[in-house]
Amino acid sequence: MQRRRFKQITSLEQRLSEEAKRLREQAKKLPPSSDRERLLRKAREDEMAAQMTGWIASPGLQPPN
């Protein structure tokens, strides 16, 4: 069985940021509820993951000794 491979056109950081933006827009349309809070929490997680990806990929990051 062969794995299907996809070539990503955009960076992980950009995809996570776009997903966070989409989730926030979706949450704006909902009344205050647990579903809205779940979407906002996921958006925050995506934003944090995008920041961490940027930090990891930064040229100033040094490997541990």
PDB file of N, CA and C in Angstrom:
ATOM      1  N   MET A   1       0.843  -1.179   0.000  1.00  0.00           N
ATOM      2  CA  MET A   1       0.000   0.000   0.000  1.00  0.00           C
ATOM      3  C   MET A   1       0.891   1.247   0.000  1.00  0.00           C
ATOM      4  N   GLN A   2       0.637   2.153  -0.896  1.00  0.00           N
ATOM      5  CA  GLN A   2       1.426   3.379  -0.985  1.00  0.00           C
ATOM      6  C   GLN A   2       0.733   4.523  -0.276  1.00  0.00           C
ATOM      7  N   ARG A   3       1.535   5.374   0.351  1.00  0.00           N
ATOM      8  CA  ARG A   3       0.989   6.571   0.994  1.00  0.00           C
ATOM      9  C   ARG A   3       0.722   7.630  -0.056  1.00  0.00           C
ATOM     10  N   ARG A   4      -0.373   8.325   0.136  1.00  0.00           N
ATOM     11  CA  ARG A   4      -0.650   9.474  -0.734  1.00  0.00           C
ATOM     12  C   ARG A   4       0.108  10.655  -0.169  1.00  0.00           C
ATOM     13  N   ARG A   5       0.833  11.339  -0.992  1.00  0.00           N
ATOM     14  CA  ARG A   5       1.625  12.474  -0.535  1.00  0.00           C
ATOM     15  C   ARG A   5       1.084  13.760  -1.161  1.00  0.00           C
ATOM     16  N   PHE A   6       1.106  14.809  -0.355  1.00  0.00           N
ATOM     17  CA  PHE A   6       0.642  16.113  -0.808  1.00  0.00           C
ATOM     18  C   PHE A   6       1.759  17.112  -0.650  1.00  0.00           C
ATOM     19  N   LYS A   7       1.977  17.903  -1.654  1.00  0.00           N
ATOM     20  CA  LYS A   7       2.960  18.976  -1.576  1.00  0.00           C
ATOM     21  C   LYS A   7       2.225  20.208  -1.063  1.00  0.00           C
ATOM     22  N   GLN A   8       2.653  20.698   0.104  1.00  0.00           N
ATOM     23  CA  GLN A   8       2.019  21.875   0.688  1.00  0.00           C
ATOM     24  C   GLN A   8       2.537  23.130  -0.012  1.00  0.00           C
ATOM     25  N   ILE A   9       1.620  23.976  -0.409  1.00  0.00           N
ATOM     26  CA  ILE A   9       1.969  25.201  -1.120  1.00  0.00           C
ATOM     27  C   ILE A   9       2.280  26.315  -0.129  1.00  0.00           C
ATOM     28  N   THR A  10       1.538  26.346   0.979  1.00  0.00           N
ATOM     29  CA  THR A  10       1.758  27.384   1.988  1.00  0.00           C
ATOM     30  C   THR A  10       2.438  26.771   3.211  1.00  0.00           C
ATOM     31  N   SER A  11       3.071  27.617   3.999  1.00  0.00           N
ATOM     32  CA  SER A  11       3.769  27.136   5.184  1.00  0.00           C
ATOM     33  C   SER A  11       2.777  26.719   6.263  1.00  0.00           C
ATOM     34  N   LEU A  12       3.241  25.897   7.185  1.00  0.00           N
ATOM     35  CA  LEU A  12       2.403  25.459   8.295  1.00  0.00           C
ATOM     36  C   LEU A  12       1.949  26.666   9.112  1.00  0.00           C
ATOM     37  N   GLU A  13       2.851  27.594   9.336  1.00  0.00           N
ATOM     38  CA  GLU A  13       2.527  28.801  10.098  1.00  0.00           C
ATOM     39  C   GLU A  13       1.385  29.576   9.447  1.00  0.00           C
ATOM     40  N   GLN A  14       1.436  29.719   8.137  1.00  0.00           N
ATOM     41  CA  GLN A  14       0.391  30.446   7.418  1.00  0.00           C
ATOM     42  C   GLN A  14      -0.938  29.686   7.449  1.00  0.00           C
ATOM     43  N   ARG A  15      -0.891  28.360   7.287  1.00  0.00           N
ATOM     44  CA  ARG A  15      -2.122  27.564   7.326  1.00  0.00           C
ATOM     45  C   ARG A  15      -2.775  27.632   8.692  1.00  0.00           C
ATOM     46  N   LEU A  16      -1.978  27.585   9.758  1.00  0.00           N
ATOM     47  CA  LEU A  16      -2.523  27.677  11.109  1.00  0.00           C
ATOM     48  C   LEU A  16      -3.145  29.045  11.355  1.00  0.00           C
ATOM     49  N   SER A  17      -2.497  30.101  10.885  1.00  0.00           N
ATOM     50  CA  SER A  17      -3.039  31.452  11.049  1.00  0.00           C
ATOM     51  C   SER A  17      -4.353  31.616  10.307  1.00  0.00           C
ATOM     52  N   GLU A  18      -4.424  31.086   9.095  1.00  0.00           N
ATOM     53  CA  GLU A  18      -5.658  31.165   8.315  1.00  0.00           C
ATOM     54  C   GLU A  18      -6.788  30.380   8.980  1.00  0.00           C
ATOM     55  N   GLU A  19      -6.452  29.213   9.539  1.00  0.00           N
ATOM     56  CA  GLU A  19      -7.462  28.412  10.227  1.00  0.00           C
ATOM     57  C   GLU A  19      -7.978  29.149  11.460  1.00  0.00           C
ATOM     58  N   ALA A  20      -7.073  29.788  12.211  1.00  0.00           N
ATOM     59  CA  ALA A  20      -7.476  30.550  13.394  1.00  0.00           C
ATOM     60  C   ALA A  20      -8.415  31.693  13.001  1.00  0.00           C
ATOM     61  N   LYS A  21      -8.100  32.373  11.918  1.00  0.00           N
ATOM     62  CA  LYS A  21      -8.940  33.471  11.445  1.00  0.00           C
ATOM     63  C   LYS A  21     -10.321  32.957  11.041  1.00  0.00           C
ATOM     64  N   ARG A  22     -10.356  31.824  10.354  1.00  0.00           N
ATOM     65  CA  ARG A  22     -11.623  31.230   9.924  1.00  0.00           C
ATOM     66  C   ARG A  22     -12.466  30.825  11.134  1.00  0.00           C
ATOM     67  N   LEU A  23     -11.829  30.245  12.137  1.00  0.00           N
ATOM     68  CA  LEU A  23     -12.555  29.831  13.336  1.00  0.00           C
ATOM     69  C   LEU A  23     -13.116  31.029  14.095  1.00  0.00           C
ATOM     70  N   ARG A  24     -12.346  32.122  14.174  1.00  0.00           N
ATOM     71  CA  ARG A  24     -12.826  33.329  14.855  1.00  0.00           C
ATOM     72  C   ARG A  24     -14.030  33.928  14.124  1.00  0.00           C
ATOM     73  N   GLU A  25     -13.987  33.934  12.805  1.00  0.00           N
ATOM     74  CA  GLU A  25     -15.125  34.441  12.026  1.00  0.00           C
ATOM     75  C   GLU A  25     -16.359  33.577  12.254  1.00  0.00           C
ATOM     76  N   GLN A  26     -16.157  32.272  12.301  1.00  0.00           N
ATOM     77  CA  GLN A  26     -17.268  31.353  12.536  1.00  0.00           C
ATOM     78  C   GLN A  26     -17.838  31.555  13.941  1.00  0.00           C
ATOM     79  N   ALA A  27     -16.972  31.784  14.916  1.00  0.00           N
ATOM     80  CA  ALA A  27     -17.418  31.982  16.300  1.00  0.00           C
ATOM     81  C   ALA A  27     -18.210  33.278  16.458  1.00  0.00           C
ATOM     82  N   LYS A  28     -17.861  34.304  15.682  1.00  0.00           N
ATOM     83  CA  LYS A  28     -18.577  35.582  15.759  1.00  0.00           C
ATOM     84  C   LYS A  28     -20.058  35.424  15.405  1.00  0.00           C
ATOM     85  N   LYS A  29     -20.355  34.455  14.565  1.00  0.00           N
ATOM     86  CA  LYS A  29     -21.730  34.259  14.102  1.00  0.00           C
ATOM     87  C   LYS A  29     -22.584  33.494  15.108  1.00  0.00           C
ATOM     88  N   LEU A  30     -21.950  32.907  16.119  1.00  0.00           N
ATOM     89  CA  LEU A  30     -22.685  32.106  17.095  1.00  0.00           C
ATOM     90  C   LEU A  30     -23.028  32.913  18.340  1.00  0.00           C
ATOM     91  N   PRO A  31     -24.139  32.597  18.974  1.00  0.00           N
ATOM     92  CA  PRO A  31     -24.441  33.227  20.267  1.00  0.00           C
ATOM     93  C   PRO A  31     -23.516  32.634  21.338  1.00  0.00           C
ATOM     94  N   PRO A  32     -23.383  33.307  22.485  1.00  0.00           N
ATOM     95  CA  PRO A  32     -22.546  32.748  23.548  1.00  0.00           C
ATOM     96  C   PRO A  32     -22.999  31.325  23.901  1.00  0.00           C
ATOM     97  N   SER A  33     -22.085  30.376  23.759  1.00  0.00           N
ATOM     98  CA  SER A  33     -22.400  28.976  24.029  1.00  0.00           C
ATOM     99  C   SER A  33     -21.110  28.180  24.158  1.00  0.00           C
ATOM    100  N   SER A  34     -21.235  26.922  24.492  1.00  0.00           N
ATOM    101  CA  SER A  34     -20.048  26.066  24.602  1.00  0.00           C
ATOM    102  C   SER A  34     -19.420  25.833  23.222  1.00  0.00           C
ATOM    103  N   ASP A  35     -20.240  25.802  22.170  1.00  0.00           N
ATOM    104  CA  ASP A  35     -19.691  25.646  20.821  1.00  0.00           C
ATOM    105  C   ASP A  35     -18.827  26.840  20.436  1.00  0.00           C
ATOM    106  N   ARG A  36     -19.292  28.029  20.768  1.00  0.00           N
ATOM    107  CA  ARG A  36     -18.524  29.246  20.474  1.00  0.00           C
ATOM    108  C   ARG A  36     -17.198  29.230  21.241  1.00  0.00           C
ATOM    109  N   GLU A  37     -17.243  28.862  22.510  1.00  0.00           N
ATOM    110  CA  GLU A  37     -16.025  28.795  23.320  1.00  0.00           C
ATOM    111  C   GLU A  37     -15.049  27.761  22.772  1.00  0.00           C
ATOM    112  N   ARG A  38     -15.580  26.655  22.279  1.00  0.00           N
ATOM    113  CA  ARG A  38     -14.736  25.613  21.697  1.00  0.00           C
ATOM    114  C   ARG A  38     -14.013  26.135  20.457  1.00  0.00           C
ATOM    115  N   LEU A  39     -14.729  26.878  19.622  1.00  0.00           N
ATOM    116  CA  LEU A  39     -14.110  27.447  18.419  1.00  0.00           C
ATOM    117  C   LEU A  39     -13.040  28.472  18.778  1.00  0.00           C
ATOM    118  N   LEU A  40     -13.322  29.316  19.771  1.00  0.00           N
ATOM    119  CA  LEU A  40     -12.346  30.323  20.175  1.00  0.00           C
ATOM    120  C   LEU A  40     -11.107  29.674  20.803  1.00  0.00           C
ATOM    121  N   ARG A  41     -11.314  28.610  21.574  1.00  0.00           N
ATOM    122  CA  ARG A  41     -10.181  27.897  22.174  1.00  0.00           C
ATOM    123  C   ARG A  41      -9.304  27.284  21.084  1.00  0.00           C
ATOM    124  N   LYS A  42      -9.931  26.673  20.087  1.00  0.00           N
ATOM    125  CA  LYS A  42      -9.184  26.076  18.974  1.00  0.00           C
ATOM    126  C   LYS A  42      -8.436  27.156  18.193  1.00  0.00           C
ATOM    127  N   ALA A  43      -9.041  28.329  18.021  1.00  0.00           N
ATOM    128  CA  ALA A  43      -8.371  29.430  17.322  1.00  0.00           C
ATOM    129  C   ALA A  43      -7.135  29.874  18.098  1.00  0.00           C
ATOM    130  N   ARG A  44      -7.249  29.978  19.426  1.00  0.00           N
ATOM    131  CA  ARG A  44      -6.087  30.352  20.247  1.00  0.00           C
ATOM    132  C   ARG A  44      -4.984  29.297  20.153  1.00  0.00           C
ATOM    133  N   GLU A  45      -5.370  28.024  20.157  1.00  0.00           N
ATOM    134  CA  GLU A  45      -4.392  26.943  20.034  1.00  0.00           C
ATOM    135  C   GLU A  45      -3.663  27.019  18.693  1.00  0.00           C
ATOM    136  N   ASP A  46      -4.408  27.287  17.631  1.00  0.00           N
ATOM    137  CA  ASP A  46      -3.796  27.406  16.307  1.00  0.00           C
ATOM    138  C   ASP A  46      -2.838  28.592  16.249  1.00  0.00           C
ATOM    139  N   GLU A  47      -3.217  29.716  16.860  1.00  0.00           N
ATOM    140  CA  GLU A  47      -2.339  30.884  16.871  1.00  0.00           C
ATOM    141  C   GLU A  47      -1.057  30.599  17.652  1.00  0.00           C
ATOM    142  N   MET A  48      -1.178  29.910  18.793  1.00  0.00           N
ATOM    143  CA  MET A  48       0.011  29.565  19.574  1.00  0.00           C
ATOM    144  C   MET A  48       0.909  28.605  18.800  1.00  0.00           C
ATOM    145  N   ALA A  49       0.311  27.644  18.116  1.00  0.00           N
ATOM    146  CA  ALA A  49       1.084  26.692  17.326  1.00  0.00           C
ATOM    147  C   ALA A  49       1.816  27.407  16.183  1.00  0.00           C
ATOM    148  N   ALA A  50       1.161  28.385  15.576  1.00  0.00           N
ATOM    149  CA  ALA A  50       1.801  29.156  14.503  1.00  0.00           C
ATOM    150  C   ALA A  50       2.996  29.924  15.049  1.00  0.00           C
ATOM    151  N   GLN A  51       2.852  30.515  16.241  1.00  0.00           N
ATOM    152  CA  GLN A  51       3.971  31.239  16.849  1.00  0.00           C
ATOM    153  C   GLN A  51       5.121  30.291  17.172  1.00  0.00           C
ATOM    154  N   MET A  52       4.805  29.136  17.735  1.00  0.00           N
ATOM    155  CA  MET A  52       5.855  28.170  18.070  1.00  0.00           C
ATOM    156  C   MET A  52       6.578  27.690  16.815  1.00  0.00           C
ATOM    157  N   THR A  53       5.839  27.483  15.746  1.00  0.00           N
ATOM    158  CA  THR A  53       6.451  27.062  14.488  1.00  0.00           C
ATOM    159  C   THR A  53       7.424  28.131  13.999  1.00  0.00           C
ATOM    160  N   GLY A  54       7.035  29.388  14.135  1.00  0.00           N
ATOM    161  CA  GLY A  54       7.929  30.483  13.746  1.00  0.00           C
ATOM    162  C   GLY A  54       9.177  30.530  14.607  1.00  0.00           C
ATOM    163  N   TRP A  55       9.018  30.317  15.905  1.00  0.00           N
ATOM    164  CA  TRP A  55      10.182  30.320  16.801  1.00  0.00           C
ATOM    165  C   TRP A  55      11.129  29.165  16.478  1.00  0.00           C
ATOM    166  N   ILE A  56      10.557  28.001  16.227  1.00  0.00           N
ATOM    167  CA  ILE A  56      11.383  26.827  15.925  1.00  0.00           C
ATOM    168  C   ILE A  56      12.157  27.025  14.628  1.00  0.00           C
ATOM    169  N   ALA A  57      11.524  27.640  13.651  1.00  0.00           N
ATOM    170  CA  ALA A  57      12.154  27.835  12.345  1.00  0.00           C
ATOM    171  C   ALA A  57      13.066  29.056  12.307  1.00  0.00           C
ATOM    172  N   SER A  58      13.119  29.833  13.384  1.00  0.00           N
ATOM    173  CA  SER A  58      13.924  31.054  13.366  1.00  0.00           C
ATOM    174  C   SER A  58      15.421  30.715  13.278  1.00  0.00           C
ATOM    175  N   PRO A  59      16.184  31.526  12.573  1.00  0.00           N
ATOM    176  CA  PRO A  59      17.611  31.256  12.423  1.00  0.00           C
ATOM    177  C   PRO A  59      18.401  31.430  13.716  1.00  0.00           C
ATOM    178  N   GLY A  60      17.860  32.130  14.689  1.00  0.00           N
ATOM    179  CA  GLY A  60      18.573  32.356  15.942  1.00  0.00           C
ATOM    180  C   GLY A  60      18.485  31.188  16.903  1.00  0.00           C
ATOM    181  N   LEU A  61      17.657  30.200  16.599  1.00  0.00           N
ATOM    182  CA  LEU A  61      17.485  29.068  17.487  1.00  0.00           C
ATOM    183  C   LEU A  61      18.726  28.173  17.407  1.00  0.00           C
ATOM    184  N   GLN A  62      19.312  27.862  18.549  1.00  0.00           N
ATOM    185  CA  GLN A  62      20.509  27.042  18.602  1.00  0.00           C
ATOM    186  C   GLN A  62      20.151  25.642  19.110  1.00  0.00           C
ATOM    187  N   PRO A  63      20.797  24.615  18.550  1.00  0.00           N
ATOM    188  CA  PRO A  63      20.523  23.261  19.028  1.00  0.00           C
ATOM    189  C   PRO A  63      21.103  23.075  20.434  1.00  0.00           C
ATOM    190  N   PRO A  64      20.511  22.168  21.230  1.00  0.00           N
ATOM    191  CA  PRO A  64      21.057  21.924  22.564  1.00  0.00           C
ATOM    192  C   PRO A  64      22.420  21.258  22.474  1.00  0.00           C
ATOM    193  N   ASN A  65      23.276  21.500  23.473  1.00  0.00           N
ATOM    194  CA  ASN A  65      24.620  20.898  23.469  1.00  0.00           C
ATOM    195  C   ASN A  65      24.604  19.547  24.089  1.00  0.00           C
TER     196      ASN A  65
END
